[in-house]
């Protein structure tokens, strides 16, 4: 908080007044990153009439989001291993992505009369893992564009669910 106050040329109390806590400041930063990274497109994924199209768009939204601030995401994830409040903020955000994955899997289950992977929770956790920053970052390589990994992740997920990628 002291560093933020110094960079903003305000008192530390001003930062606390504006954000309430370090966690409040982190939430504001993460909300700004979400806005700039295109997470506002997430409702359009859920609005897709076809569950497979919803799945594809869900993956694409996260692929574009992670690519928007790749270096920052790497650093934030690294900081989360060292700072409890960073970790808590990341865990909360990740929980939202997992819940979104569960919604997608319930839609697929309803569309196909069962979970395509015969395990809706396992399939949701797989989608959660495949839409993580670490997964996209690893697939793209150290300097490859993360957005190039989107079609790969889509194909991998559809194959894992036993669905056609066409």
C-alpha atoms as a PDB file:
ATOM      1  CA  UNK A   1       0.000   0.000   0.000  1.00  0.00           C
ATOM      2  CA  UNK A   2       2.915   2.298   0.784  1.00  0.00           C
ATOM      3  CA  UNK A   3       4.392   1.751  -2.670  1.00  0.00           C
ATOM      4  CA  UNK A   4       1.058   2.461  -4.371  1.00  0.00           C
ATOM      5  CA  UNK A   5       0.627   5.636  -2.356  1.00  0.00           C
ATOM      6  CA  UNK A   6       4.138   6.782  -3.224  1.00  0.00           C
ATOM      7  CA  UNK A   7       3.648   6.137  -6.956  1.00  0.00           C
ATOM      8  CA  UNK A   8       0.278   7.931  -6.902  1.00  0.00           C
ATOM      9  CA  UNK A   9       1.800  10.772  -4.903  1.00  0.00           C
ATOM     10  CA  UNK A  10      -0.846  10.500  -2.198  1.00  0.00           C
ATOM     11  CA  UNK A  11      -0.773   9.441   1.426  1.00  0.00           C
ATOM     12  CA  UNK A  12      -1.153   5.804   2.420  1.00  0.00           C
ATOM     13  CA  UNK A  13      -4.363   6.791   4.228  1.00  0.00           C
ATOM     14  CA  UNK A  14      -5.775   8.057   0.933  1.00  0.00           C
ATOM     15  CA  UNK A  15      -5.154   4.655  -0.653  1.00  0.00           C
ATOM     16  CA  UNK A  16      -6.795   2.933   2.323  1.00  0.00           C
ATOM     17  CA  UNK A  17      -9.723   5.363   2.176  1.00  0.00           C
ATOM     18  CA  UNK A  18     -10.232   4.691  -1.540  1.00  0.00           C
ATOM     19  CA  UNK A  19      -9.838   0.893  -1.471  1.00  0.00           C
ATOM     20  CA  UNK A  20     -10.348  -0.102   2.162  1.00  0.00           C
ATOM     21  CA  UNK A  21      -7.571  -2.690   2.231  1.00  0.00           C
ATOM     22  CA  UNK A  22      -4.881  -4.351   0.201  1.00  0.00           C
ATOM     23  CA  UNK A  23      -7.472  -6.890  -0.941  1.00  0.00           C
ATOM     24  CA  UNK A  24      -9.765  -4.037  -2.044  1.00  0.00           C
ATOM     25  CA  UNK A  25      -6.917  -2.543  -4.059  1.00  0.00           C
ATOM     26  CA  UNK A  26      -6.178  -5.928  -5.644  1.00  0.00           C
ATOM     27  CA  UNK A  27      -9.843  -6.382  -6.551  1.00  0.00           C
ATOM     28  CA  UNK A  28      -9.856  -2.949  -8.216  1.00  0.00           C
ATOM     29  CA  UNK A  29      -6.705  -3.827 -10.181  1.00  0.00           C
ATOM     30  CA  UNK A  30      -8.134  -7.214 -11.196  1.00  0.00           C
ATOM     31  CA  UNK A  31     -11.455  -5.637 -12.216  1.00  0.00           C
ATOM     32  CA  UNK A  32      -9.593  -3.157 -14.401  1.00  0.00           C
ATOM     33  CA  UNK A  33      -7.583  -5.972 -15.985  1.00  0.00           C
ATOM     34  CA  UNK A  34     -10.808  -7.914 -16.595  1.00  0.00           C
ATOM     35  CA  UNK A  35     -12.349  -4.904 -18.316  1.00  0.00           C
ATOM     36  CA  UNK A  36      -9.290  -4.268 -20.481  1.00  0.00           C
ATOM     37  CA  UNK A  37      -8.853  -7.988 -21.193  1.00  0.00           C
ATOM     38  CA  UNK A  38     -12.340  -8.505 -22.591  1.00  0.00           C
ATOM     39  CA  UNK A  39     -13.985 -10.542 -19.858  1.00  0.00           C
ATOM     40  CA  UNK A  40     -17.144  -8.527 -20.522  1.00  0.00           C
ATOM     41  CA  UNK A  41     -17.569 -10.926 -23.485  1.00  0.00           C
ATOM     42  CA  UNK A  42     -18.144 -13.831 -21.092  1.00  0.00           C
ATOM     43  CA  UNK A  43     -21.948 -13.375 -20.986  1.00  0.00           C
ATOM     44  CA  UNK A  44     -22.008 -13.814 -24.773  1.00  0.00           C
ATOM     45  CA  UNK A  45     -20.431 -17.238 -24.307  1.00  0.00           C
ATOM     46  CA  UNK A  46     -23.218 -18.278 -21.941  1.00  0.00           C
ATOM     47  CA  UNK A  47     -25.812 -16.777 -24.287  1.00  0.00           C
ATOM     48  CA  UNK A  48     -24.838 -19.064 -27.169  1.00  0.00           C
ATOM     49  CA  UNK A  49     -27.881 -21.252 -27.983  1.00  0.00           C
ATOM     50  CA  UNK A  50     -25.703 -24.299 -28.651  1.00  0.00           C
ATOM     51  CA  UNK A  51     -23.726 -25.653 -25.675  1.00  0.00           C
ATOM     52  CA  UNK A  52     -20.727 -26.604 -27.852  1.00  0.00           C
ATOM     53  CA  UNK A  53     -20.597 -23.055 -29.216  1.00  0.00           C
ATOM     54  CA  UNK A  54     -20.808 -21.798 -25.616  1.00  0.00           C
ATOM     55  CA  UNK A  55     -17.858 -24.033 -24.712  1.00  0.00           C
ATOM     56  CA  UNK A  56     -15.799 -22.766 -27.650  1.00  0.00           C
ATOM     57  CA  UNK A  57     -16.552 -19.134 -26.815  1.00  0.00           C
ATOM     58  CA  UNK A  58     -15.819 -19.656 -23.101  1.00  0.00           C
ATOM     59  CA  UNK A  59     -12.373 -20.954 -24.052  1.00  0.00           C
ATOM     60  CA  UNK A  60     -11.811 -18.133 -26.557  1.00  0.00           C
ATOM     61  CA  UNK A  61     -12.749 -15.422 -24.045  1.00  0.00           C
ATOM     62  CA  UNK A  62     -10.198 -16.722 -21.545  1.00  0.00           C
ATOM     63  CA  UNK A  63      -7.532 -17.207 -24.213  1.00  0.00           C
ATOM     64  CA  UNK A  64      -7.886 -13.578 -25.306  1.00  0.00           C
ATOM     65  CA  UNK A  65      -8.024 -12.412 -21.684  1.00  0.00           C
ATOM     66  CA  UNK A  66      -4.804 -14.183 -20.696  1.00  0.00           C
ATOM     67  CA  UNK A  67      -3.063 -12.823 -23.799  1.00  0.00           C
ATOM     68  CA  UNK A  68      -4.030  -9.234 -22.940  1.00  0.00           C
ATOM     69  CA  UNK A  69      -1.493  -8.912 -20.098  1.00  0.00           C
ATOM     70  CA  UNK A  70       0.630 -12.042 -20.296  1.00  0.00           C
ATOM     71  CA  UNK A  71       3.672 -10.749 -18.415  1.00  0.00           C
ATOM     72  CA  UNK A  72       1.486  -9.196 -15.718  1.00  0.00           C
ATOM     73  CA  UNK A  73      -0.406 -12.469 -15.256  1.00  0.00           C
ATOM     74  CA  UNK A  74       2.873 -14.347 -14.901  1.00  0.00           C
ATOM     75  CA  UNK A  75       4.037 -11.930 -12.223  1.00  0.00           C
ATOM     76  CA  UNK A  76       0.727 -11.902 -10.366  1.00  0.00           C
ATOM     77  CA  UNK A  77       0.657 -15.696 -10.261  1.00  0.00           C
ATOM     78  CA  UNK A  78       4.230 -15.727  -8.972  1.00  0.00           C
ATOM     79  CA  UNK A  79       3.389 -13.139  -6.303  1.00  0.00           C
ATOM     80  CA  UNK A  80       0.424 -15.241  -5.207  1.00  0.00           C
ATOM     81  CA  UNK A  81       2.847 -17.929  -4.074  1.00  0.00           C
ATOM     82  CA  UNK A  82       4.549 -15.376  -1.803  1.00  0.00           C
ATOM     83  CA  UNK A  83       1.689 -13.173  -0.610  1.00  0.00           C
ATOM     84  CA  UNK A  84      -1.414 -14.494   1.144  1.00  0.00           C
ATOM     85  CA  UNK A  85      -3.693 -11.654   0.030  1.00  0.00           C
ATOM     86  CA  UNK A  86      -2.623 -12.011  -3.601  1.00  0.00           C
ATOM     87  CA  UNK A  87      -3.279 -15.734  -3.306  1.00  0.00           C
ATOM     88  CA  UNK A  88      -6.760 -15.192  -1.818  1.00  0.00           C
ATOM     89  CA  UNK A  89      -7.670 -12.748  -4.599  1.00  0.00           C
ATOM     90  CA  UNK A  90      -6.484 -15.186  -7.281  1.00  0.00           C
ATOM     91  CA  UNK A  91      -8.277 -18.126  -5.652  1.00  0.00           C
ATOM     92  CA  UNK A  92     -11.537 -16.124  -5.614  1.00  0.00           C
ATOM     93  CA  UNK A  93     -11.180 -15.234  -9.296  1.00  0.00           C
ATOM     94  CA  UNK A  94     -10.323 -18.801 -10.218  1.00  0.00           C
ATOM     95  CA  UNK A  95     -13.398 -20.040  -8.329  1.00  0.00           C
ATOM     96  CA  UNK A  96     -15.563 -17.898 -10.620  1.00  0.00           C
ATOM     97  CA  UNK A  97     -13.960 -19.516 -13.672  1.00  0.00           C
ATOM     98  CA  UNK A  98     -14.614 -22.970 -12.198  1.00  0.00           C
ATOM     99  CA  UNK A  99     -18.271 -22.088 -11.638  1.00  0.00           C
ATOM    100  CA  UNK A 100     -18.490 -20.908 -15.255  1.00  0.00           C
ATOM    101  CA  UNK A 101     -17.005 -24.239 -16.360  1.00  0.00           C
ATOM    102  CA  UNK A 102     -19.658 -26.048 -14.310  1.00  0.00           C
ATOM    103  CA  UNK A 103     -22.404 -24.039 -16.033  1.00  0.00           C
ATOM    104  CA  UNK A 104     -21.009 -24.971 -19.453  1.00  0.00           C
ATOM    105  CA  UNK A 105     -20.849 -28.657 -18.474  1.00  0.00           C
ATOM    106  CA  UNK A 106     -24.443 -28.600 -17.179  1.00  0.00           C
ATOM    107  CA  UNK A 107     -25.523 -27.129 -20.513  1.00  0.00           C
ATOM    108  CA  UNK A 108     -23.642 -29.839 -22.413  1.00  0.00           C
ATOM    109  CA  UNK A 109     -25.206 -32.461 -20.161  1.00  0.00           C
ATOM    110  CA  UNK A 110     -28.683 -31.082 -20.842  1.00  0.00           C
ATOM    111  CA  UNK A 111     -28.041 -30.870 -24.593  1.00  0.00           C
ATOM    112  CA  UNK A 112     -26.709 -34.437 -24.820  1.00  0.00           C
ATOM    113  CA  UNK A 113     -28.832 -35.983 -22.067  1.00  0.00           C
ATOM    114  CA  UNK A 114     -25.708 -36.796 -20.047  1.00  0.00           C
ATOM    115  CA  UNK A 115     -22.314 -35.342 -19.427  1.00  0.00           C
ATOM    116  CA  UNK A 116     -20.306 -36.044 -22.566  1.00  0.00           C
ATOM    117  CA  UNK A 117     -17.446 -37.170 -20.314  1.00  0.00           C
ATOM    118  CA  UNK A 118     -19.830 -39.131 -18.013  1.00  0.00           C
ATOM    119  CA  UNK A 119     -18.519 -37.049 -15.097  1.00  0.00           C
ATOM    120  CA  UNK A 120     -19.807 -33.480 -15.113  1.00  0.00           C
ATOM    121  CA  UNK A 121     -17.645 -32.321 -12.191  1.00  0.00           C
ATOM    122  CA  UNK A 122     -14.539 -33.940 -13.646  1.00  0.00           C
ATOM    123  CA  UNK A 123     -15.300 -32.377 -17.032  1.00  0.00           C
ATOM    124  CA  UNK A 124     -15.838 -28.971 -15.395  1.00  0.00           C
ATOM    125  CA  UNK A 125     -12.500 -29.262 -13.597  1.00  0.00           C
ATOM    126  CA  UNK A 126     -10.820 -30.236 -16.863  1.00  0.00           C
ATOM    127  CA  UNK A 127     -12.298 -27.172 -18.597  1.00  0.00           C
ATOM    128  CA  UNK A 128     -11.203 -25.075 -15.615  1.00  0.00           C
ATOM    129  CA  UNK A 129      -7.640 -26.406 -15.971  1.00  0.00           C
ATOM    130  CA  UNK A 130      -7.632 -25.939 -19.743  1.00  0.00           C
ATOM    131  CA  UNK A 131      -8.770 -22.317 -19.422  1.00  0.00           C
ATOM    132  CA  UNK A 132      -6.118 -21.449 -16.851  1.00  0.00           C
ATOM    133  CA  UNK A 133      -3.354 -18.985 -17.530  1.00  0.00           C
ATOM    134  CA  UNK A 134      -0.754 -21.701 -16.888  1.00  0.00           C
ATOM    135  CA  UNK A 135      -2.289 -23.981 -19.524  1.00  0.00           C
ATOM    136  CA  UNK A 136      -2.403 -21.285 -22.211  1.00  0.00           C
ATOM    137  CA  UNK A 137       1.044 -19.998 -21.258  1.00  0.00           C
ATOM    138  CA  UNK A 138       2.539 -23.506 -21.483  1.00  0.00           C
ATOM    139  CA  UNK A 139       0.841 -24.319 -24.781  1.00  0.00           C
ATOM    140  CA  UNK A 140       1.970 -21.089 -26.421  1.00  0.00           C
ATOM    141  CA  UNK A 141       5.564 -21.521 -25.298  1.00  0.00           C
ATOM    142  CA  UNK A 142       7.729 -18.870 -23.752  1.00  0.00           C
ATOM    143  CA  UNK A 143       7.098 -16.272 -26.432  1.00  0.00           C
ATOM    144  CA  UNK A 144       4.360 -17.622 -28.713  1.00  0.00           C
ATOM    145  CA  UNK A 145       1.061 -15.743 -28.902  1.00  0.00           C
ATOM    146  CA  UNK A 146      -1.458 -17.097 -26.376  1.00  0.00           C
ATOM    147  CA  UNK A 147      -4.290 -16.465 -28.807  1.00  0.00           C
ATOM    148  CA  UNK A 148      -2.763 -19.066 -31.137  1.00  0.00           C
ATOM    149  CA  UNK A 149      -3.481 -21.662 -28.442  1.00  0.00           C
ATOM    150  CA  UNK A 150      -7.252 -21.007 -28.478  1.00  0.00           C
ATOM    151  CA  UNK A 151      -8.099 -23.428 -31.325  1.00  0.00           C
ATOM    152  CA  UNK A 152      -5.849 -26.076 -29.757  1.00  0.00           C
ATOM    153  CA  UNK A 153      -7.563 -25.789 -26.372  1.00  0.00           C
ATOM    154  CA  UNK A 154     -10.962 -25.925 -28.072  1.00  0.00           C
ATOM    155  CA  UNK A 155     -10.006 -29.103 -29.970  1.00  0.00           C
ATOM    156  CA  UNK A 156      -8.442 -30.713 -26.887  1.00  0.00           C
ATOM    157  CA  UNK A 157     -11.531 -30.046 -24.779  1.00  0.00           C
ATOM    158  CA  UNK A 158     -13.956 -31.276 -27.428  1.00  0.00           C
ATOM    159  CA  UNK A 159     -11.856 -34.420 -27.906  1.00  0.00           C
ATOM    160  CA  UNK A 160     -11.726 -35.013 -24.149  1.00  0.00           C
ATOM    161  CA  UNK A 161     -15.531 -34.802 -24.086  1.00  0.00           C
ATOM    162  CA  UNK A 162     -15.885 -37.106 -27.081  1.00  0.00           C
ATOM    163  CA  UNK A 163     -17.443 -34.367 -29.206  1.00  0.00           C
ATOM    164  CA  UNK A 164     -16.699 -33.464 -32.796  1.00  0.00           C
ATOM    165  CA  UNK A 165     -14.464 -30.454 -33.322  1.00  0.00           C
ATOM    166  CA  UNK A 166     -16.223 -29.435 -36.543  1.00  0.00           C
END
